[in-house]
Amino acid sequence: MAPRIIAYGDSLTYGYPFGNKYSWVELLSEKLGIKILNAGSNGDALRDLQNRLLIDVVDQKPDYVILMGGTNDVYQGSAQADMEDRFKKILKTLKENKIKAILGIPPPIVEKEMEERLAKFRRFVKRTAKESNLPTINFYDMFFEAKKKRPNPSLLEDGVHPSAAGYKLMAETAHAAIQKILK
C-alpha cells in the first residue's frame, strides 16, 4: 500500500503564483505515482501552521509530512526564538501522533537582509533534523548555479517564489530524497 504523504507549508508548498497544479508537490505526486496532499497555504507563518496542524495534518492520518516554513515569519519580523519554538511544537505534535516528519530546507530569497534571517532559521532546521534523526529535502542548494554565490535568477519568479523551472527542480530534488526515505 502506498504511504499517505502530506506536504505542509506556505506559498512555496502551495505553488504560488502558478497555483497548486504547478507546484513541486503536484509534480512530485506525478513522478512517484502517489497522491500527495498539498496542504500549503499562501502567506502562512509557523504560527498559522501550528494553528491548522490538527485539522490539515493529524486528522488526515498521514504516514509522512513534508514540513517547510519560516519564510513568511522572516518577512513578518518573527523572532528566531519564536520560530524555533513553534517549529519544535509542530514536530512534537507530529511525533505524538506517530507521523514521520521530513523537513524541507527553504529555498533562498534574493533580499539580502531577509535571506540572512532565513539562513539562521535554515541552520536551526538542519540542526534539528540531525539531532532528531529526521530526513531532509534540501530545497536551497539547487537554486544556485555552480560556483555562484547568488541564486539562478531563472529559478525565482519574484525573488521569493520559484519560477515554473524552479518548481520543476524542487520536484526533482524531492523525488530523489523521497525515494531514499521510502526504501
C-alpha atoms as a PDB file:
ATOM      1  CA  MET A   1       0.000   0.000   0.000  1.00  0.00           C
ATOM      2  CA  ALA A   2       1.273   3.470  -0.897  1.00  0.00           C
ATOM      3  CA  PRO A   3       2.226   5.696   2.027  1.00  0.00           C
ATOM      4  CA  ARG A   4      -0.010   8.681   2.783  1.00  0.00           C
ATOM      5  CA  ILE A   5       2.043  11.864   2.420  1.00  0.00           C
ATOM      6  CA  ILE A   6       1.094  15.479   3.122  1.00  0.00           C
ATOM      7  CA  ALA A   7       3.215  18.456   2.072  1.00  0.00           C
ATOM      8  CA  TYR A   8       2.653  21.117   4.733  1.00  0.00           C
ATOM      9  CA  GLY A   9       3.761  24.712   4.436  1.00  0.00           C
ATOM     10  CA  ASP A  10       3.218  28.125   2.908  1.00  0.00           C
ATOM     11  CA  SER A  11       3.049  29.516  -0.654  1.00  0.00           C
ATOM     12  CA  LEU A  12       6.303  27.738  -1.554  1.00  0.00           C
ATOM     13  CA  THR A  13       4.471  24.455  -0.951  1.00  0.00           C
ATOM     14  CA  TYR A  14       1.173  25.623  -2.441  1.00  0.00           C
ATOM     15  CA  GLY A  15       2.806  26.632  -5.738  1.00  0.00           C
ATOM     16  CA  TYR A  16       2.324  30.422  -5.785  1.00  0.00           C
ATOM     17  CA  PRO A  17       1.961  32.254  -8.199  1.00  0.00           C
ATOM     18  CA  PHE A  18       1.050  29.453 -10.611  1.00  0.00           C
ATOM     19  CA  GLY A  19      -1.316  27.511  -8.380  1.00  0.00           C
ATOM     20  CA  ASN A  20      -1.435  24.107  -6.796  1.00  0.00           C
ATOM     21  CA  LYS A  21      -1.494  22.271 -10.134  1.00  0.00           C
ATOM     22  CA  TYR A  22       2.025  23.539 -10.981  1.00  0.00           C
ATOM     23  CA  SER A  23       3.548  23.127  -7.516  1.00  0.00           C
ATOM     24  CA  TRP A  24       6.533  20.918  -6.727  1.00  0.00           C
ATOM     25  CA  VAL A  25       4.066  18.819  -4.708  1.00  0.00           C
ATOM     26  CA  GLU A  26       1.876  18.042  -7.723  1.00  0.00           C
ATOM     27  CA  LEU A  27       4.911  17.375  -9.925  1.00  0.00           C
ATOM     28  CA  LEU A  28       6.319  15.058  -7.236  1.00  0.00           C
ATOM     29  CA  SER A  29       2.958  13.239  -6.985  1.00  0.00           C
ATOM     30  CA  GLU A  30       3.089  12.558 -10.722  1.00  0.00           C
ATOM     31  CA  LYS A  31       6.717  11.334 -10.573  1.00  0.00           C
ATOM     32  CA  LEU A  32       6.020   8.985  -7.642  1.00  0.00           C
ATOM     33  CA  GLY A  33       2.603   7.849  -8.834  1.00  0.00           C
ATOM     34  CA  ILE A  34       1.317   8.576  -5.310  1.00  0.00           C
ATOM     35  CA  LYS A  35      -1.215  11.247  -4.457  1.00  0.00           C
ATOM     36  CA  ILE A  36       0.456  13.715  -2.117  1.00  0.00           C
ATOM     37  CA  LEU A  37      -1.936  16.079  -0.376  1.00  0.00           C
ATOM     38  CA  ASN A  38      -0.833  19.692  -0.806  1.00  0.00           C
ATOM     39  CA  ALA A  39      -1.586  21.498   2.453  1.00  0.00           C
ATOM     40  CA  GLY A  40       0.376  24.598   1.520  1.00  0.00           C
ATOM     41  CA  SER A  41      -1.341  27.913   2.216  1.00  0.00           C
ATOM     42  CA  ASN A  42      -0.244  31.273   0.834  1.00  0.00           C
ATOM     43  CA  GLY A  43       1.007  33.683   3.497  1.00  0.00           C
ATOM     44  CA  ASP A  44       1.187  31.149   6.318  1.00  0.00           C
ATOM     45  CA  ALA A  45       3.771  31.657   9.030  1.00  0.00           C
ATOM     46  CA  LEU A  46       4.725  28.921  11.504  1.00  0.00           C
ATOM     47  CA  ARG A  47       2.017  30.224  13.879  1.00  0.00           C
ATOM     48  CA  ASP A  48      -0.578  29.504  11.147  1.00  0.00           C
ATOM     49  CA  LEU A  49       0.885  26.043  10.510  1.00  0.00           C
ATOM     50  CA  GLN A  50       0.682  25.344  14.230  1.00  0.00           C
ATOM     51  CA  ASN A  51      -2.952  26.527  14.344  1.00  0.00           C
ATOM     52  CA  ARG A  52      -4.162  24.332  11.470  1.00  0.00           C
ATOM     53  CA  LEU A  53      -1.974  21.295  12.223  1.00  0.00           C
ATOM     54  CA  LEU A  54      -4.684  19.104  13.777  1.00  0.00           C
ATOM     55  CA  ILE A  55      -7.267  19.579  11.018  1.00  0.00           C
ATOM     56  CA  ASP A  56      -4.950  19.774   7.989  1.00  0.00           C
ATOM     57  CA  VAL A  57      -2.471  17.088   9.028  1.00  0.00           C
ATOM     58  CA  VAL A  58      -3.184  14.997  12.138  1.00  0.00           C
ATOM     59  CA  ASP A  59      -6.857  14.322  11.305  1.00  0.00           C
ATOM     60  CA  GLN A  60      -5.796  13.153   7.813  1.00  0.00           C
ATOM     61  CA  LYS A  61      -3.687  10.376   9.395  1.00  0.00           C
ATOM     62  CA  PRO A  62      -0.705  10.539   7.033  1.00  0.00           C
ATOM     63  CA  ASP A  63       2.353   8.329   7.314  1.00  0.00           C
ATOM     64  CA  TYR A  64       4.673  11.223   6.401  1.00  0.00           C
ATOM     65  CA  VAL A  65       4.574  15.012   6.436  1.00  0.00           C
ATOM     66  CA  ILE A  66       6.981  17.122   4.415  1.00  0.00           C
ATOM     67  CA  LEU A  67       7.168  20.224   6.626  1.00  0.00           C
ATOM     68  CA  MET A  68       8.573  23.506   5.326  1.00  0.00           C
ATOM     69  CA  GLY A  69       8.070  27.011   6.661  1.00  0.00           C
ATOM     70  CA  GLY A  70       9.767  30.073   8.059  1.00  0.00           C
ATOM     71  CA  THR A  71       9.923  32.385   5.038  1.00  0.00           C
ATOM     72  CA  ASN A  72       6.800  34.356   5.952  1.00  0.00           C
ATOM     73  CA  ASP A  73       7.931  34.525   9.581  1.00  0.00           C
ATOM     74  CA  VAL A  74      11.085  36.295   8.421  1.00  0.00           C
ATOM     75  CA  TYR A  75       9.052  38.828   6.429  1.00  0.00           C
ATOM     76  CA  GLN A  76       6.653  39.316   9.345  1.00  0.00           C
ATOM     77  CA  GLY A  77       9.543  40.047  11.707  1.00  0.00           C
ATOM     78  CA  SER A  78       9.101  36.997  13.967  1.00  0.00           C
ATOM     79  CA  ALA A  79      11.893  36.446  16.468  1.00  0.00           C
ATOM     80  CA  GLN A  80      14.161  33.456  15.800  1.00  0.00           C
ATOM     81  CA  ALA A  81      13.325  32.017  19.252  1.00  0.00           C
ATOM     82  CA  ASP A  82       9.588  32.128  18.470  1.00  0.00           C
ATOM     83  CA  MET A  83      10.151  30.465  15.100  1.00  0.00           C
ATOM     84  CA  GLU A  84      12.197  27.688  16.700  1.00  0.00           C
ATOM     85  CA  ASP A  85       9.629  27.180  19.454  1.00  0.00           C
ATOM     86  CA  ARG A  86       6.714  26.892  17.016  1.00  0.00           C
ATOM     87  CA  PHE A  87       8.662  24.533  14.760  1.00  0.00           C
ATOM     88  CA  LYS A  88       9.546  22.279  17.722  1.00  0.00           C
ATOM     89  CA  LYS A  89       5.895  22.222  18.853  1.00  0.00           C
ATOM     90  CA  ILE A  90       4.763  21.174  15.370  1.00  0.00           C
ATOM     91  CA  LEU A  91       7.346  18.368  15.372  1.00  0.00           C
ATOM     92  CA  LYS A  92       6.275  17.279  18.872  1.00  0.00           C
ATOM     93  CA  THR A  93       2.624  17.030  17.771  1.00  0.00           C
ATOM     94  CA  LEU A  94       3.606  15.013  14.704  1.00  0.00           C
ATOM     95  CA  LYS A  95       5.719  12.643  16.814  1.00  0.00           C
ATOM     96  CA  GLU A  96       2.929  12.203  19.396  1.00  0.00           C
ATOM     97  CA  ASN A  97       0.617  11.199  16.552  1.00  0.00           C
ATOM     98  CA  LYS A  98       3.164   8.792  15.032  1.00  0.00           C
ATOM     99  CA  ILE A  99       3.538  10.855  11.855  1.00  0.00           C
ATOM    100  CA  LYS A 100       7.042  10.801  10.371  1.00  0.00           C
ATOM    101  CA  ALA A 101       8.385  14.279   9.617  1.00  0.00           C
ATOM    102  CA  ILE A 102      10.533  15.105   6.603  1.00  0.00           C
ATOM    103  CA  LEU A 103      11.985  18.592   6.913  1.00  0.00           C
ATOM    104  CA  GLY A 104      12.099  20.862   3.883  1.00  0.00           C
ATOM    105  CA  ILE A 105      15.035  23.275   3.838  1.00  0.00           C
ATOM    106  CA  PRO A 106      13.531  26.540   2.479  1.00  0.00           C
ATOM    107  CA  PRO A 107      14.803  27.943  -0.818  1.00  0.00           C
ATOM    108  CA  PRO A 108      16.804  31.185  -0.913  1.00  0.00           C
ATOM    109  CA  ILE A 109      15.307  34.645  -1.158  1.00  0.00           C
ATOM    110  CA  VAL A 110      17.041  37.468  -3.015  1.00  0.00           C
ATOM    111  CA  GLU A 111      16.592  40.269  -0.470  1.00  0.00           C
ATOM    112  CA  LYS A 112      19.873  40.208   1.498  1.00  0.00           C
ATOM    113  CA  GLU A 113      18.623  41.114   4.998  1.00  0.00           C
ATOM    114  CA  MET A 114      15.682  38.688   4.801  1.00  0.00           C
ATOM    115  CA  GLU A 115      17.934  35.945   3.429  1.00  0.00           C
ATOM    116  CA  GLU A 116      20.334  36.378   6.369  1.00  0.00           C
ATOM    117  CA  ARG A 117      17.446  35.878   8.806  1.00  0.00           C
ATOM    118  CA  LEU A 118      16.108  32.889   6.864  1.00  0.00           C
ATOM    119  CA  ALA A 119      19.633  31.394   6.707  1.00  0.00           C
ATOM    120  CA  LYS A 120      19.708  31.400  10.522  1.00  0.00           C
ATOM    121  CA  PHE A 121      16.394  29.520  10.618  1.00  0.00           C
ATOM    122  CA  ARG A 122      17.638  27.103   7.928  1.00  0.00           C
ATOM    123  CA  ARG A 123      20.628  26.244  10.136  1.00  0.00           C
ATOM    124  CA  PHE A 124      18.221  25.557  13.008  1.00  0.00           C
ATOM    125  CA  VAL A 125      16.123  23.228  10.799  1.00  0.00           C
ATOM    126  CA  LYS A 126      19.248  21.324   9.690  1.00  0.00           C
ATOM    127  CA  ARG A 127      20.487  21.053  13.300  1.00  0.00           C
ATOM    128  CA  THR A 128      17.052  19.848  14.437  1.00  0.00           C
ATOM    129  CA  ALA A 129      16.982  17.242  11.673  1.00  0.00           C
ATOM    130  CA  LYS A 130      20.414  15.967  12.674  1.00  0.00           C
ATOM    131  CA  GLU A 131      19.658  15.909  16.420  1.00  0.00           C
ATOM    132  CA  SER A 132      16.275  14.213  15.904  1.00  0.00           C
ATOM    133  CA  ASN A 133      17.471  11.906  13.126  1.00  0.00           C
ATOM    134  CA  LEU A 134      14.885  13.303  10.688  1.00  0.00           C
ATOM    135  CA  PRO A 135      15.312  13.213   6.913  1.00  0.00           C
ATOM    136  CA  THR A 136      15.503  16.472   4.967  1.00  0.00           C
ATOM    137  CA  ILE A 137      14.834  17.692   1.470  1.00  0.00           C
ATOM    138  CA  ASN A 138      17.309  20.422   0.585  1.00  0.00           C
ATOM    139  CA  PHE A 139      15.330  22.954  -1.461  1.00  0.00           C
ATOM    140  CA  TYR A 140      18.127  25.502  -1.025  1.00  0.00           C
ATOM    141  CA  ASP A 141      21.310  24.348  -2.774  1.00  0.00           C
ATOM    142  CA  MET A 142      19.671  23.543  -6.114  1.00  0.00           C
ATOM    143  CA  PHE A 143      18.801  27.221  -6.690  1.00  0.00           C
ATOM    144  CA  PHE A 144      22.480  28.114  -7.128  1.00  0.00           C
ATOM    145  CA  GLU A 145      24.484  27.811 -10.325  1.00  0.00           C
ATOM    146  CA  ALA A 146      27.793  26.053  -9.903  1.00  0.00           C
ATOM    147  CA  LYS A 147      30.347  28.263  -8.114  1.00  0.00           C
ATOM    148  CA  LYS A 148      27.982  31.256  -7.920  1.00  0.00           C
ATOM    149  CA  LYS A 149      27.005  32.873  -4.650  1.00  0.00           C
ATOM    150  CA  ARG A 150      23.633  34.074  -5.922  1.00  0.00           C
ATOM    151  CA  PRO A 151      20.532  32.098  -6.828  1.00  0.00           C
ATOM    152  CA  ASN A 152      19.980  31.484 -10.526  1.00  0.00           C
ATOM    153  CA  PRO A 153      17.518  34.265 -11.478  1.00  0.00           C
ATOM    154  CA  SER A 154      15.699  31.981 -13.925  1.00  0.00           C
ATOM    155  CA  LEU A 155      14.644  29.769 -10.993  1.00  0.00           C
ATOM    156  CA  LEU A 156      12.951  32.536  -8.988  1.00  0.00           C
ATOM    157  CA  GLU A 157       9.821  34.300 -10.208  1.00  0.00           C
ATOM    158  CA  ASP A 158       9.898  37.332  -7.901  1.00  0.00           C
ATOM    159  CA  GLY A 159      12.948  36.923  -5.661  1.00  0.00           C
ATOM    160  CA  VAL A 160      10.983  34.720  -3.224  1.00  0.00           C
ATOM    161  CA  HIS A 161       8.754  32.267  -5.107  1.00  0.00           C
ATOM    162  CA  PRO A 162      10.156  29.721  -7.560  1.00  0.00           C
ATOM    163  CA  SER A 163       9.568  30.066 -11.274  1.00  0.00           C
ATOM    164  CA  ALA A 164       7.987  27.172 -13.170  1.00  0.00           C
ATOM    165  CA  ALA A 165      11.539  25.869 -13.762  1.00  0.00           C
ATOM    166  CA  GLY A 166      12.276  26.322 -10.043  1.00  0.00           C
ATOM    167  CA  TYR A 167       9.239  24.250  -9.053  1.00  0.00           C
ATOM    168  CA  LYS A 168      10.284  21.506 -11.503  1.00  0.00           C
ATOM    169  CA  LEU A 169      13.735  21.432  -9.951  1.00  0.00           C
ATOM    170  CA  MET A 170      12.196  21.291  -6.448  1.00  0.00           C
ATOM    171  CA  ALA A 171      10.108  18.288  -7.564  1.00  0.00           C
ATOM    172  CA  GLU A 172      13.203  16.525  -8.918  1.00  0.00           C
ATOM    173  CA  THR A 173      15.096  17.204  -5.680  1.00  0.00           C
ATOM    174  CA  ALA A 174      12.154  15.992  -3.574  1.00  0.00           C
ATOM    175  CA  HIS A 175      11.754  12.899  -5.780  1.00  0.00           C
ATOM    176  CA  ALA A 176      15.378  11.829  -5.231  1.00  0.00           C
ATOM    177  CA  ALA A 177      15.085  12.402  -1.465  1.00  0.00           C
ATOM    178  CA  ILE A 178      11.685  10.713  -1.047  1.00  0.00           C
ATOM    179  CA  GLN A 179      12.783   7.600  -2.951  1.00  0.00           C
ATOM    180  CA  LYS A 180      15.626   7.137  -0.427  1.00  0.00           C
ATOM    181  CA  ILE A 181      13.333   7.863   2.542  1.00  0.00           C
ATOM    182  CA  LEU A 182      10.636   5.373   1.453  1.00  0.00           C
ATOM    183  CA  LYS A 183      13.136   2.499   0.954  1.00  0.00           C
END
